[in-house]
């Protein structure tokens, strides 16, 4: 029984650490997106403004 409790505690701690890491990475991505320069209108080839 004690082994099961230890295994569950370790598993829960690892999951919590993984969730924290994912949340931190997501926050960093949001910061990058929010700080990115917006290209001027009419710039060709930009991912969000492609003109054929």
PDB file of N, CA and C in Angstrom:
ATOM      1  N   UNK A   1       0.828  -1.203   0.000  1.00  0.00           N
ATOM      2  CA  UNK A   1       0.000   0.000   0.000  1.00  0.00           C
ATOM      3  C   UNK A   1       0.866   1.258   0.000  1.00  0.00           C
ATOM      4  N   UNK A   2       1.914   1.241   0.809  1.00  0.00           N
ATOM      5  CA  UNK A   2       2.791   2.409   0.879  1.00  0.00           C
ATOM      6  C   UNK A   2       3.469   2.659  -0.458  1.00  0.00           C
ATOM      7  N   UNK A   3       3.849   1.571  -1.146  1.00  0.00           N
ATOM      8  CA  UNK A   3       4.487   1.730  -2.457  1.00  0.00           C
ATOM      9  C   UNK A   3       3.530   2.383  -3.448  1.00  0.00           C
ATOM     10  N   UNK A   4       2.272   1.995  -3.390  1.00  0.00           N
ATOM     11  CA  UNK A   4       1.274   2.575  -4.296  1.00  0.00           C
ATOM     12  C   UNK A   4       1.106   4.061  -4.018  1.00  0.00           C
ATOM     13  N   UNK A   5       1.111   4.430  -2.736  1.00  0.00           N
ATOM     14  CA  UNK A   5       0.981   5.844  -2.369  1.00  0.00           C
ATOM     15  C   UNK A   5       2.182   6.647  -2.850  1.00  0.00           C
ATOM     16  N   UNK A   6       3.374   6.082  -2.701  1.00  0.00           N
ATOM     17  CA  UNK A   6       4.591   6.758  -3.158  1.00  0.00           C
ATOM     18  C   UNK A   6       4.563   6.909  -4.671  1.00  0.00           C
ATOM     19  N   UNK A   7       4.191   5.841  -5.364  1.00  0.00           N
ATOM     20  CA  UNK A   7       4.130   5.893  -6.826  1.00  0.00           C
ATOM     21  C   UNK A   7       3.110   6.934  -7.284  1.00  0.00           C
ATOM     22  N   UNK A   8       1.971   6.985  -6.614  1.00  0.00           N
ATOM     23  CA  UNK A   8       0.951   7.968  -6.985  1.00  0.00           C
ATOM     24  C   UNK A   8       1.438   9.384  -6.696  1.00  0.00           C
ATOM     25  N   UNK A   9       2.117   9.573  -5.577  1.00  0.00           N
ATOM     26  CA  UNK A   9       2.643  10.897  -5.237  1.00  0.00           C
ATOM     27  C   UNK A   9       3.677  11.360  -6.256  1.00  0.00           C
ATOM     28  N   UNK A  10       4.556  10.445  -6.655  1.00  0.00           N
ATOM     29  CA  UNK A  10       5.581  10.778  -7.650  1.00  0.00           C
ATOM     30  C   UNK A  10       4.920  11.101  -8.982  1.00  0.00           C
ATOM     31  N   UNK A  11       3.957  10.294  -9.371  1.00  0.00           N
ATOM     32  CA  UNK A  11       3.248  10.515 -10.630  1.00  0.00           C
ATOM     33  C   UNK A  11       2.527  11.858 -10.623  1.00  0.00           C
ATOM     34  N   UNK A  12       1.878  12.178  -9.521  1.00  0.00           N
ATOM     35  CA  UNK A  12       1.166  13.449  -9.396  1.00  0.00           C
ATOM     36  C   UNK A  12       2.134  14.620  -9.454  1.00  0.00           C
ATOM     37  N   UNK A  13       3.275  14.495  -8.797  1.00  0.00           N
ATOM     38  CA  UNK A  13       4.278  15.565  -8.816  1.00  0.00           C
ATOM     39  C   UNK A  13       4.828  15.774 -10.225  1.00  0.00           C
ATOM     40  N   UNK A  14       5.082  14.676 -10.935  1.00  0.00           N
ATOM     41  CA  UNK A  14       5.594  14.787 -12.304  1.00  0.00           C
ATOM     42  C   UNK A  14       4.557  15.438 -13.216  1.00  0.00           C
ATOM     43  N   UNK A  15       3.301  15.057 -13.060  1.00  0.00           N
ATOM     44  CA  UNK A  15       2.228  15.647 -13.858  1.00  0.00           C
ATOM     45  C   UNK A  15       2.108  17.140 -13.571  1.00  0.00           C
ATOM     46  N   UNK A  16       2.175  17.501 -12.310  1.00  0.00           N
ATOM     47  CA  UNK A  16       2.083  18.905 -11.927  1.00  0.00           C
ATOM     48  C   UNK A  16       3.231  19.709 -12.531  1.00  0.00           C
ATOM     49  N   UNK A  17       4.433  19.137 -12.490  1.00  0.00           N
ATOM     50  CA  UNK A  17       5.602  19.818 -13.061  1.00  0.00           C
ATOM     51  C   UNK A  17       5.438  19.971 -14.570  1.00  0.00           C
ATOM     52  N   UNK A  18       4.917  18.943 -15.226  1.00  0.00           N
ATOM     53  CA  UNK A  18       4.687  19.010 -16.673  1.00  0.00           C
ATOM     54  C   UNK A  18       3.666  20.093 -17.013  1.00  0.00           C
ATOM     55  N   UNK A  19       2.602  20.158 -16.247  1.00  0.00           N
ATOM     56  CA  UNK A  19       1.570  21.173 -16.479  1.00  0.00           C
ATOM     57  C   UNK A  19       2.159  22.568 -16.303  1.00  0.00           C
ATOM     58  N   UNK A  20       2.955  22.762 -15.253  1.00  0.00           N
ATOM     59  CA  UNK A  20       3.593  24.059 -15.023  1.00  0.00           C
ATOM     60  C   UNK A  20       4.496  24.442 -16.191  1.00  0.00           C
ATOM     61  N   UNK A  21       5.244  23.468 -16.696  1.00  0.00           N
ATOM     62  CA  UNK A  21       6.145  23.715 -17.820  1.00  0.00           C
ATOM     63  C   UNK A  21       5.366  24.099 -19.076  1.00  0.00           C
ATOM     64  N   UNK A  22       4.271  23.399 -19.328  1.00  0.00           N
ATOM     65  CA  UNK A  22       3.432  23.704 -20.495  1.00  0.00           C
ATOM     66  C   UNK A  22       2.829  25.101 -20.364  1.00  0.00           C
ATOM     67  N   UNK A  23       2.361  25.441 -19.174  1.00  0.00           N
ATOM     68  CA  UNK A  23       1.779  26.767 -18.957  1.00  0.00           C
ATOM     69  C   UNK A  23       2.823  27.858 -19.158  1.00  0.00           C
ATOM     70  N   UNK A  24       4.044  27.625 -18.673  1.00  0.00           N
ATOM     71  CA  UNK A  24       5.120  28.602 -18.833  1.00  0.00           C
ATOM     72  C   UNK A  24       5.467  28.775 -20.313  1.00  0.00           C
ATOM     73  N   UNK A  25       5.556  27.667 -21.033  1.00  0.00           N
ATOM     74  CA  UNK A  25       5.857  27.737 -22.467  1.00  0.00           C
ATOM     75  C   UNK A  25       4.756  28.486 -23.210  1.00  0.00           C
ATOM     76  N   UNK A  26       3.524  28.217 -22.852  1.00  0.00           N
ATOM     77  CA  UNK A  26       2.402  28.910 -23.478  1.00  0.00           C
ATOM     78  C   UNK A  26       2.454  30.405 -23.214  1.00  0.00           C
ATOM     79  N   UNK A  27       2.790  30.786 -21.993  1.00  0.00           N
ATOM     80  CA  UNK A  27       2.899  32.206 -21.654  1.00  0.00           C
ATOM     81  C   UNK A  27       4.016  32.870 -22.454  1.00  0.00           C
ATOM     82  N   UNK A  28       5.126  32.149 -22.659  1.00  0.00           N
ATOM     83  CA  UNK A  28       6.232  32.686 -23.453  1.00  0.00           C
ATOM     84  C   UNK A  28       5.809  32.881 -24.906  1.00  0.00           C
ATOM     85  N   UNK A  29       5.040  31.946 -25.441  1.00  0.00           N
ATOM     86  CA  UNK A  29       4.558  32.071 -26.823  1.00  0.00           C
ATOM     87  C   UNK A  29       3.627  33.274 -26.943  1.00  0.00           C
ATOM     88  N   UNK A  30       2.737  33.445 -25.979  1.00  0.00           N
ATOM     89  CA  UNK A  30       1.824  34.590 -26.001  1.00  0.00           C
ATOM     90  C   UNK A  30       2.617  35.891 -25.947  1.00  0.00           C
ATOM     91  N   UNK A  31       3.649  35.946 -25.100  1.00  0.00           N
ATOM     92  CA  UNK A  31       4.492  37.143 -25.024  1.00  0.00           C
ATOM     93  C   UNK A  31       5.173  37.419 -26.356  1.00  0.00           C
ATOM     94  N   UNK A  32       5.676  36.371 -27.013  1.00  0.00           N
ATOM     95  CA  UNK A  32       6.317  36.549 -28.320  1.00  0.00           C
ATOM     96  C   UNK A  32       5.326  37.077 -29.347  1.00  0.00           C
ATOM     97  N   UNK A  33       4.131  36.515 -29.351  1.00  0.00           N
ATOM     98  CA  UNK A  33       3.108  36.961 -30.299  1.00  0.00           C
ATOM     99  C   UNK A  33       2.747  38.421 -30.043  1.00  0.00           C
ATOM    100  N   UNK A  34       2.568  38.769 -28.782  1.00  0.00           N
ATOM    101  CA  UNK A  34       2.176  40.136 -28.440  1.00  0.00           C
ATOM    102  C   UNK A  34       3.278  41.150 -28.713  1.00  0.00           C
ATOM    103  N   UNK A  35       4.532  40.715 -28.699  1.00  0.00           N
ATOM    104  CA  UNK A  35       5.639  41.646 -28.916  1.00  0.00           C
ATOM    105  C   UNK A  35       6.121  41.665 -30.362  1.00  0.00           C
ATOM    106  N   UNK A  36       5.537  40.837 -31.224  1.00  0.00           N
ATOM    107  CA  UNK A  36       5.970  40.774 -32.622  1.00  0.00           C
ATOM    108  C   UNK A  36       5.576  42.047 -33.363  1.00  0.00           C
ATOM    109  N   UNK A  37       6.456  42.469 -34.263  1.00  0.00           N
ATOM    110  CA  UNK A  37       6.158  43.634 -35.091  1.00  0.00           C
ATOM    111  C   UNK A  37       5.077  43.273 -36.104  1.00  0.00           C
ATOM    112  N   UNK A  38       4.175  44.194 -36.313  1.00  0.00           N
ATOM    113  CA  UNK A  38       3.129  43.994 -37.317  1.00  0.00           C
ATOM    114  C   UNK A  38       3.653  44.566 -38.630  1.00  0.00           C
ATOM    115  N   UNK A  39       3.680  43.771 -39.690  1.00  0.00           N
ATOM    116  CA  UNK A  39       4.213  44.274 -40.959  1.00  0.00           C
ATOM    117  C   UNK A  39       3.296  45.351 -41.540  1.00  0.00           C
ATOM    118  N   UNK A  40       3.874  46.291 -42.270  1.00  0.00           N
ATOM    119  CA  UNK A  40       3.034  47.327 -42.887  1.00  0.00           C
ATOM    120  C   UNK A  40       2.086  46.721 -43.920  1.00  0.00           C
ATOM    121  N   UNK A  41       0.983  47.382 -44.162  1.00  0.00           N
ATOM    122  CA  UNK A  41      -0.005  46.893 -45.130  1.00  0.00           C
ATOM    123  C   UNK A  41       0.628  46.789 -46.510  1.00  0.00           C
ATOM    124  N   UNK A  42       0.320  45.714 -47.210  1.00  0.00           N
ATOM    125  CA  UNK A  42       0.808  45.542 -48.567  1.00  0.00           C
ATOM    126  C   UNK A  42       2.123  44.814 -48.690  1.00  0.00           C
ATOM    127  N   UNK A  43       2.710  44.402 -47.578  1.00  0.00           N
ATOM    128  CA  UNK A  43       3.959  43.649 -47.646  1.00  0.00           C
ATOM    129  C   UNK A  43       3.641  42.272 -48.196  1.00  0.00           C
ATOM    130  N   UNK A  44       4.309  41.893 -49.277  1.00  0.00           N
ATOM    131  CA  UNK A  44       4.014  40.597 -49.890  1.00  0.00           C
ATOM    132  C   UNK A  44       4.863  39.504 -49.266  1.00  0.00           C
ATOM    133  N   UNK A  45       4.313  38.319 -49.265  1.00  0.00           N
ATOM    134  CA  UNK A  45       5.049  37.167 -48.774  1.00  0.00           C
ATOM    135  C   UNK A  45       4.914  36.924 -47.291  1.00  0.00           C
ATOM    136  N   UNK A  46       4.334  37.855 -46.560  1.00  0.00           N
ATOM    137  CA  UNK A  46       4.149  37.629 -45.130  1.00  0.00           C
ATOM    138  C   UNK A  46       3.086  36.554 -44.947  1.00  0.00           C
ATOM    139  N   UNK A  47       3.259  35.741 -43.964  1.00  0.00           N
ATOM    140  CA  UNK A  47       2.358  34.606 -43.735  1.00  0.00           C
ATOM    141  C   UNK A  47       0.899  35.056 -43.650  1.00  0.00           C
ATOM    142  N   UNK A  48       0.671  36.210 -43.061  1.00  0.00           N
ATOM    143  CA  UNK A  48      -0.701  36.665 -42.871  1.00  0.00           C
ATOM    144  C   UNK A  48      -1.181  37.595 -43.986  1.00  0.00           C
ATOM    145  N   UNK A  49      -0.319  37.898 -44.953  1.00  0.00           N
ATOM    146  CA  UNK A  49      -0.687  38.863 -45.982  1.00  0.00           C
ATOM    147  C   UNK A  49      -0.069  38.457 -47.318  1.00  0.00           C
ATOM    148  N   UNK A  50      -0.465  37.303 -47.821  1.00  0.00           N
ATOM    149  CA  UNK A  50       0.106  36.786 -49.070  1.00  0.00           C
ATOM    150  C   UNK A  50      -0.725  37.285 -50.248  1.00  0.00           C
ATOM    151  N   UNK A  51      -0.045  37.850 -51.225  1.00  0.00           N
ATOM    152  CA  UNK A  51      -0.737  38.338 -52.427  1.00  0.00           C
ATOM    153  C   UNK A  51      -0.290  37.505 -53.611  1.00  0.00           C
ATOM    154  N   UNK A  52      -1.246  36.884 -54.289  1.00  0.00           N
ATOM    155  CA  UNK A  52      -0.913  36.030 -55.433  1.00  0.00           C
ATOM    156  C   UNK A  52      -0.829  36.856 -56.696  1.00  0.00           C
TER     157      UNK A  52
END
